Amino acid sequence: MGAPRTIDPERVKELIKEAEAQKRDWSYPELAKILSEETGKEIKPDAVSKCARINGIILPKLSGRKPSKT
């Protein structure tokens, strides 16, 4: 019983490119919020991350998570 696909992978890619152009790091919750507003449907962050994973979309590195140097 699969849910109809509401997330457009191309749109997710566009949003990530916009984020990179603005030197911003976007998280899945932020992307979900924007997509929810655009589609008028509630989209959950885990749905966005699943869509990204399935389509091989990689989010730019989140600035809050810098690798620790040991």
PDB file of N, CA and C in Angstrom:
ATOM      1  N   MET A   1       0.838  -1.190   0.000  1.00  0.00           N
ATOM      2  CA  MET A   1       0.000   0.000   0.000  1.00  0.00           C
ATOM      3  C   MET A   1       0.881   1.251   0.000  1.00  0.00           C
ATOM      4  N   GLY A   2       1.495   1.548  -1.111  1.00  0.00           N
ATOM      5  CA  GLY A   2       2.404   2.686  -1.170  1.00  0.00           C
ATOM      6  C   GLY A   2       1.661   4.003  -1.290  1.00  0.00           C
ATOM      7  N   ALA A   3       2.178   4.994  -0.600  1.00  0.00           N
ATOM      8  CA  ALA A   3       1.579   6.331  -0.660  1.00  0.00           C
ATOM      9  C   ALA A   3       1.939   6.971  -1.998  1.00  0.00           C
ATOM     10  N   PRO A   4       1.061   7.809  -2.534  1.00  0.00           N
ATOM     11  CA  PRO A   4       1.403   8.486  -3.794  1.00  0.00           C
ATOM     12  C   PRO A   4       2.614   9.387  -3.586  1.00  0.00           C
ATOM     13  N   ARG A   5       3.465   9.451  -4.594  1.00  0.00           N
ATOM     14  CA  ARG A   5       4.686  10.239  -4.459  1.00  0.00           C
ATOM     15  C   ARG A   5       4.355  11.722  -4.505  1.00  0.00           C
ATOM     16  N   THR A   6       4.642  12.406  -3.409  1.00  0.00           N
ATOM     17  CA  THR A   6       4.352  13.838  -3.368  1.00  0.00           C
ATOM     18  C   THR A   6       5.622  14.661  -3.474  1.00  0.00           C
ATOM     19  N   ILE A   7       6.768  14.018  -3.261  1.00  0.00           N
ATOM     20  CA  ILE A   7       8.025  14.768  -3.295  1.00  0.00           C
ATOM     21  C   ILE A   7       8.656  14.614  -4.672  1.00  0.00           C
ATOM     22  N   ASP A   8       8.946  15.734  -5.305  1.00  0.00           N
ATOM     23  CA  ASP A   8       9.592  15.732  -6.608  1.00  0.00           C
ATOM     24  C   ASP A   8      11.102  15.779  -6.394  1.00  0.00           C
ATOM     25  N   PRO A   9      11.817  14.700  -6.746  1.00  0.00           N
ATOM     26  CA  PRO A   9      13.268  14.679  -6.530  1.00  0.00           C
ATOM     27  C   PRO A   9      13.986  15.840  -7.213  1.00  0.00           C
ATOM     28  N   GLU A  10      13.493  16.255  -8.381  1.00  0.00           N
ATOM     29  CA  GLU A  10      14.119  17.382  -9.080  1.00  0.00           C
ATOM     30  C   GLU A  10      13.992  18.666  -8.263  1.00  0.00           C
ATOM     31  N   ARG A  11      12.858  18.839  -7.615  1.00  0.00           N
ATOM     32  CA  ARG A  11      12.641  20.034  -6.787  1.00  0.00           C
ATOM     33  C   ARG A  11      13.583  20.020  -5.583  1.00  0.00           C
ATOM     34  N   VAL A  12      13.781  18.832  -5.007  1.00  0.00           N
ATOM     35  CA  VAL A  12      14.706  18.703  -3.873  1.00  0.00           C
ATOM     36  C   VAL A  12      16.106  19.123  -4.321  1.00  0.00           C
ATOM     37  N   LYS A  13      16.525  18.664  -5.507  1.00  0.00           N
ATOM     38  CA  LYS A  13      17.845  19.035  -6.037  1.00  0.00           C
ATOM     39  C   LYS A  13      17.945  20.545  -6.226  1.00  0.00           C
ATOM     40  N   GLU A  14      16.877  21.162  -6.757  1.00  0.00           N
ATOM     41  CA  GLU A  14      16.868  22.617  -6.960  1.00  0.00           C
ATOM     42  C   GLU A  14      17.029  23.352  -5.637  1.00  0.00           C
ATOM     43  N   LEU A  15      16.297  22.911  -4.612  1.00  0.00           N
ATOM     44  CA  LEU A  15      16.370  23.565  -3.305  1.00  0.00           C
ATOM     45  C   LEU A  15      17.776  23.460  -2.721  1.00  0.00           C
ATOM     46  N   ILE A  16      18.409  22.310  -2.897  1.00  0.00           N
ATOM     47  CA  ILE A  16      19.765  22.125  -2.376  1.00  0.00           C
ATOM     48  C   ILE A  16      20.735  23.033  -3.124  1.00  0.00           C
ATOM     49  N   LYS A  17      20.553  23.166  -4.445  1.00  0.00           N
ATOM     50  CA  LYS A  17      21.412  24.068  -5.227  1.00  0.00           C
ATOM     51  C   LYS A  17      21.240  25.509  -4.766  1.00  0.00           C
ATOM     52  N   GLU A  18      19.989  25.903  -4.490  1.00  0.00           N
ATOM     53  CA  GLU A  18      19.724  27.256  -3.989  1.00  0.00           C
ATOM     54  C   GLU A  18      20.437  27.466  -2.660  1.00  0.00           C
ATOM     55  N   ALA A  19      20.383  26.466  -1.809  1.00  0.00           N
ATOM     56  CA  ALA A  19      21.024  26.551  -0.494  1.00  0.00           C
ATOM     57  C   ALA A  19      22.528  26.735  -0.658  1.00  0.00           C
ATOM     58  N   GLU A  20      23.120  25.971  -1.576  1.00  0.00           N
ATOM     59  CA  GLU A  20      24.561  26.080  -1.800  1.00  0.00           C
ATOM     60  C   GLU A  20      24.910  27.454  -2.356  1.00  0.00           C
ATOM     61  N   ALA A  21      24.074  27.973  -3.256  1.00  0.00           N
ATOM     62  CA  ALA A  21      24.322  29.289  -3.845  1.00  0.00           C
ATOM     63  C   ALA A  21      24.297  30.376  -2.780  1.00  0.00           C
ATOM     64  N   GLN A  22      23.445  30.197  -1.773  1.00  0.00           N
ATOM     65  CA  GLN A  22      23.340  31.181  -0.695  1.00  0.00           C
ATOM     66  C   GLN A  22      24.297  30.864   0.447  1.00  0.00           C
ATOM     67  N   LYS A  23      25.156  29.859   0.247  1.00  0.00           N
ATOM     68  CA  LYS A  23      26.106  29.423   1.274  1.00  0.00           C
ATOM     69  C   LYS A  23      25.380  29.032   2.558  1.00  0.00           C
ATOM     70  N   ARG A  24      24.215  28.413   2.394  1.00  0.00           N
ATOM     71  CA  ARG A  24      23.444  27.959   3.552  1.00  0.00           C
ATOM     72  C   ARG A  24      23.433  26.445   3.587  1.00  0.00           C
ATOM     73  N   ASP A  25      23.376  25.912   4.778  1.00  0.00           N
ATOM     74  CA  ASP A  25      23.246  24.468   4.937  1.00  0.00           C
ATOM     75  C   ASP A  25      21.801  24.186   5.283  1.00  0.00           C
ATOM     76  N   TRP A  26      21.150  23.383   4.476  1.00  0.00           N
ATOM     77  CA  TRP A  26      19.757  23.068   4.752  1.00  0.00           C
ATOM     78  C   TRP A  26      19.645  21.669   5.293  1.00  0.00           C
ATOM     79  N   SER A  27      18.752  21.507   6.231  1.00  0.00           N
ATOM     80  CA  SER A  27      18.509  20.197   6.822  1.00  0.00           C
ATOM     81  C   SER A  27      17.217  19.641   6.225  1.00  0.00           C
ATOM     82  N   TYR A  28      16.977  18.353   6.459  1.00  0.00           N
ATOM     83  CA  TYR A  28      15.743  17.753   5.951  1.00  0.00           C
ATOM     84  C   TYR A  28      14.493  18.428   6.510  1.00  0.00           C
ATOM     85  N   PRO A  29      14.466  18.803   7.815  1.00  0.00           N
ATOM     86  CA  PRO A  29      13.260  19.490   8.310  1.00  0.00           C
ATOM     87  C   PRO A  29      12.974  20.795   7.565  1.00  0.00           C
ATOM     88  N   GLU A  30      14.048  21.549   7.226  1.00  0.00           N
ATOM     89  CA  GLU A  30      13.849  22.803   6.482  1.00  0.00           C
ATOM     90  C   GLU A  30      13.325  22.515   5.079  1.00  0.00           C
ATOM     91  N   LEU A  31      13.917  21.520   4.413  1.00  0.00           N
ATOM     92  CA  LEU A  31      13.457  21.158   3.071  1.00  0.00           C
ATOM     93  C   LEU A  31      12.008  20.685   3.117  1.00  0.00           C
ATOM     94  N   ALA A  32      11.664  19.895   4.135  1.00  0.00           N
ATOM     95  CA  ALA A  32      10.296  19.384   4.271  1.00  0.00           C
ATOM     96  C   ALA A  32       9.308  20.533   4.436  1.00  0.00           C
ATOM     97  N   LYS A  33       9.701  21.544   5.219  1.00  0.00           N
ATOM     98  CA  LYS A  33       8.823  22.696   5.457  1.00  0.00           C
ATOM     99  C   LYS A  33       8.553  23.437   4.142  1.00  0.00           C
ATOM    100  N   ILE A  34       9.600  23.669   3.364  1.00  0.00           N
ATOM    101  CA  ILE A  34       9.453  24.372   2.087  1.00  0.00           C
ATOM    102  C   ILE A  34       8.578  23.558   1.133  1.00  0.00           C
ATOM    103  N   LEU A  35       8.857  22.256   1.038  1.00  0.00           N
ATOM    104  CA  LEU A  35       8.076  21.398   0.143  1.00  0.00           C
ATOM    105  C   LEU A  35       6.620  21.322   0.585  1.00  0.00           C
ATOM    106  N   SER A  36       6.382  21.316   1.890  1.00  0.00           N
ATOM    107  CA  SER A  36       5.009  21.281   2.413  1.00  0.00           C
ATOM    108  C   SER A  36       4.252  22.530   1.986  1.00  0.00           C
ATOM    109  N   GLU A  37       4.927  23.694   2.095  1.00  0.00           N
ATOM    110  CA  GLU A  37       4.292  24.957   1.710  1.00  0.00           C
ATOM    111  C   GLU A  37       3.984  24.972   0.215  1.00  0.00           C
ATOM    112  N   GLU A  38       4.916  24.451  -0.593  1.00  0.00           N
ATOM    113  CA  GLU A  38       4.736  24.472  -2.046  1.00  0.00           C
ATOM    114  C   GLU A  38       3.622  23.539  -2.511  1.00  0.00           C
ATOM    115  N   THR A  39       3.516  22.372  -1.876  1.00  0.00           N
ATOM    116  CA  THR A  39       2.539  21.379  -2.335  1.00  0.00           C
ATOM    117  C   THR A  39       1.210  21.479  -1.611  1.00  0.00           C
ATOM    118  N   GLY A  40       1.209  22.169  -0.473  1.00  0.00           N
ATOM    119  CA  GLY A  40      -0.013  22.261   0.312  1.00  0.00           C
ATOM    120  C   GLY A  40      -0.318  20.979   1.076  1.00  0.00           C
ATOM    121  N   LYS A  41       0.647  20.061   1.082  1.00  0.00           N
ATOM    122  CA  LYS A  41       0.489  18.803   1.816  1.00  0.00           C
ATOM    123  C   LYS A  41       1.566  18.747   2.882  1.00  0.00           C
ATOM    124  N   GLU A  42       1.265  18.039   3.973  1.00  0.00           N
ATOM    125  CA  GLU A  42       2.278  17.917   5.021  1.00  0.00           C
ATOM    126  C   GLU A  42       3.318  16.891   4.586  1.00  0.00           C
ATOM    127  N   ILE A  43       4.569  17.317   4.553  1.00  0.00           N
ATOM    128  CA  ILE A  43       5.660  16.424   4.174  1.00  0.00           C
ATOM    129  C   ILE A  43       6.608  16.324   5.357  1.00  0.00           C
ATOM    130  N   LYS A  44       6.896  15.107   5.751  1.00  0.00           N
ATOM    131  CA  LYS A  44       7.750  14.886   6.918  1.00  0.00           C
ATOM    132  C   LYS A  44       9.226  14.836   6.509  1.00  0.00           C
ATOM    133  N   PRO A  45      10.123  15.299   7.404  1.00  0.00           N
ATOM    134  CA  PRO A  45      11.564  15.290   7.101  1.00  0.00           C
ATOM    135  C   PRO A  45      12.085  13.905   6.712  1.00  0.00           C
ATOM    136  N   ASP A  46      11.594  12.844   7.373  1.00  0.00           N
ATOM    137  CA  ASP A  46      12.091  11.512   7.017  1.00  0.00           C
ATOM    138  C   ASP A  46      11.644  11.102   5.613  1.00  0.00           C
ATOM    139  N   ALA A  47      10.522  11.640   5.145  1.00  0.00           N
ATOM    140  CA  ALA A  47      10.087  11.364   3.770  1.00  0.00           C
ATOM    141  C   ALA A  47      11.042  12.033   2.785  1.00  0.00           C
ATOM    142  N   VAL A  48      11.505  13.240   3.131  1.00  0.00           N
ATOM    143  CA  VAL A  48      12.455  13.959   2.271  1.00  0.00           C
ATOM    144  C   VAL A  48      13.785  13.212   2.243  1.00  0.00           C
ATOM    145  N   SER A  49      14.251  12.755   3.415  1.00  0.00           N
ATOM    146  CA  SER A  49      15.533  12.051   3.458  1.00  0.00           C
ATOM    147  C   SER A  49      15.447  10.728   2.692  1.00  0.00           C
ATOM    148  N   LYS A  50      14.298  10.061   2.779  1.00  0.00           N
ATOM    149  CA  LYS A  50      14.102   8.801   2.050  1.00  0.00           C
ATOM    150  C   LYS A  50      14.117   9.063   0.546  1.00  0.00           C
ATOM    151  N   CYS A  51      13.432  10.114   0.128  1.00  0.00           N
ATOM    152  CA  CYS A  51      13.398  10.501  -1.285  1.00  0.00           C
ATOM    153  C   CYS A  51      14.818  10.802  -1.771  1.00  0.00           C
ATOM    154  N   ALA A  52      15.569  11.547  -0.962  1.00  0.00           N
ATOM    155  CA  ALA A  52      16.937  11.908  -1.329  1.00  0.00           C
ATOM    156  C   ALA A  52      17.805  10.650  -1.453  1.00  0.00           C
ATOM    157  N   ARG A  53      17.672   9.754  -0.485  1.00  0.00           N
ATOM    158  CA  ARG A  53      18.470   8.526  -0.487  1.00  0.00           C
ATOM    159  C   ARG A  53      18.160   7.683  -1.720  1.00  0.00           C
ATOM    160  N   ILE A  54      16.876   7.505  -2.014  1.00  0.00           N
ATOM    161  CA  ILE A  54      16.454   6.692  -3.156  1.00  0.00           C
ATOM    162  C   ILE A  54      16.983   7.280  -4.467  1.00  0.00           C
ATOM    163  N   ASN A  55      17.001   8.609  -4.552  1.00  0.00           N
ATOM    164  CA  ASN A  55      17.402   9.275  -5.796  1.00  0.00           C
ATOM    165  C   ASN A  55      18.872   9.682  -5.816  1.00  0.00           C
ATOM    166  N   GLY A  56      19.622   9.281  -4.801  1.00  0.00           N
ATOM    167  CA  GLY A  56      21.056   9.566  -4.762  1.00  0.00           C
ATOM    168  C   GLY A  56      21.383  11.033  -4.573  1.00  0.00           C
ATOM    169  N   ILE A  57      20.493  11.767  -3.895  1.00  0.00           N
ATOM    170  CA  ILE A  57      20.729  13.187  -3.639  1.00  0.00           C
ATOM    171  C   ILE A  57      21.472  13.311  -2.312  1.00  0.00           C
ATOM    172  N   ILE A  58      22.562  14.059  -2.327  1.00  0.00           N
ATOM    173  CA  ILE A  58      23.334  14.231  -1.098  1.00  0.00           C
ATOM    174  C   ILE A  58      23.206  15.671  -0.632  1.00  0.00           C
ATOM    175  N   LEU A  59      22.801  15.840   0.608  1.00  0.00           N
ATOM    176  CA  LEU A  59      22.693  17.192   1.176  1.00  0.00           C
ATOM    177  C   LEU A  59      24.085  17.742   1.406  1.00  0.00           C
ATOM    178  N   PRO A  60      24.270  19.039   1.180  1.00  0.00           N
ATOM    179  CA  PRO A  60      25.561  19.643   1.497  1.00  0.00           C
ATOM    180  C   PRO A  60      25.852  19.424   2.981  1.00  0.00           C
ATOM    181  N   LYS A  61      27.131  19.348   3.303  1.00  0.00           N
ATOM    182  CA  LYS A  61      27.511  19.092   4.693  1.00  0.00           C
ATOM    183  C   LYS A  61      26.888  20.125   5.612  1.00  0.00           C
ATOM    184  N   LEU A  62      26.308  19.667   6.701  1.00  0.00           N
ATOM    185  CA  LEU A  62      25.691  20.581   7.656  1.00  0.00           C
ATOM    186  C   LEU A  62      26.777  21.194   8.526  1.00  0.00           C
ATOM    187  N   SER A  63      26.777  22.504   8.620  1.00  0.00           N
ATOM    188  CA  SER A  63      27.848  23.200   9.331  1.00  0.00           C
ATOM    189  C   SER A  63      27.907  22.847  10.810  1.00  0.00           C
ATOM    190  N   GLY A  64      26.786  22.448  11.382  1.00  0.00           N
ATOM    191  CA  GLY A  64      26.762  22.115  12.802  1.00  0.00           C
ATOM    192  C   GLY A  64      27.505  20.834  13.129  1.00  0.00           C
ATOM    193  N   ARG A  65      27.782  20.046  12.105  1.00  0.00           N
ATOM    194  CA  ARG A  65      28.421  18.754  12.346  1.00  0.00           C
ATOM    195  C   ARG A  65      29.797  18.725  11.711  1.00  0.00           C
ATOM    196  N   LYS A  66      30.749  19.332  12.365  1.00  0.00           N
ATOM    197  CA  LYS A  66      32.111  19.324  11.830  1.00  0.00           C
ATOM    198  C   LYS A  66      32.814  18.073  12.343  1.00  0.00           C
ATOM    199  N   PRO A  67      33.595  17.433  11.501  1.00  0.00           N
ATOM    200  CA  PRO A  67      34.304  16.238  11.973  1.00  0.00           C
ATOM    201  C   PRO A  67      35.304  16.621  13.061  1.00  0.00           C
ATOM    202  N   SER A  68      35.339  15.844  14.102  1.00  0.00           N
ATOM    203  CA  SER A  68      36.254  16.171  15.200  1.00  0.00           C
ATOM    204  C   SER A  68      37.658  15.713  14.841  1.00  0.00           C
ATOM    205  N   LYS A  69      38.626  16.559  15.120  1.00  0.00           N
ATOM    206  CA  LYS A  69      40.021  16.213  14.840  1.00  0.00           C
ATOM    207  C   LYS A  69      40.628  15.658  16.115  1.00  0.00           C
ATOM    208  N   THR A  70      41.056  14.404  16.044  1.00  0.00           N
ATOM    209  CA  THR A  70      41.635  13.784  17.241  1.00  0.00           C
ATOM    210  C   THR A  70      43.126  13.627  17.106  1.00  0.00           C
TER     211      THR A  70
END
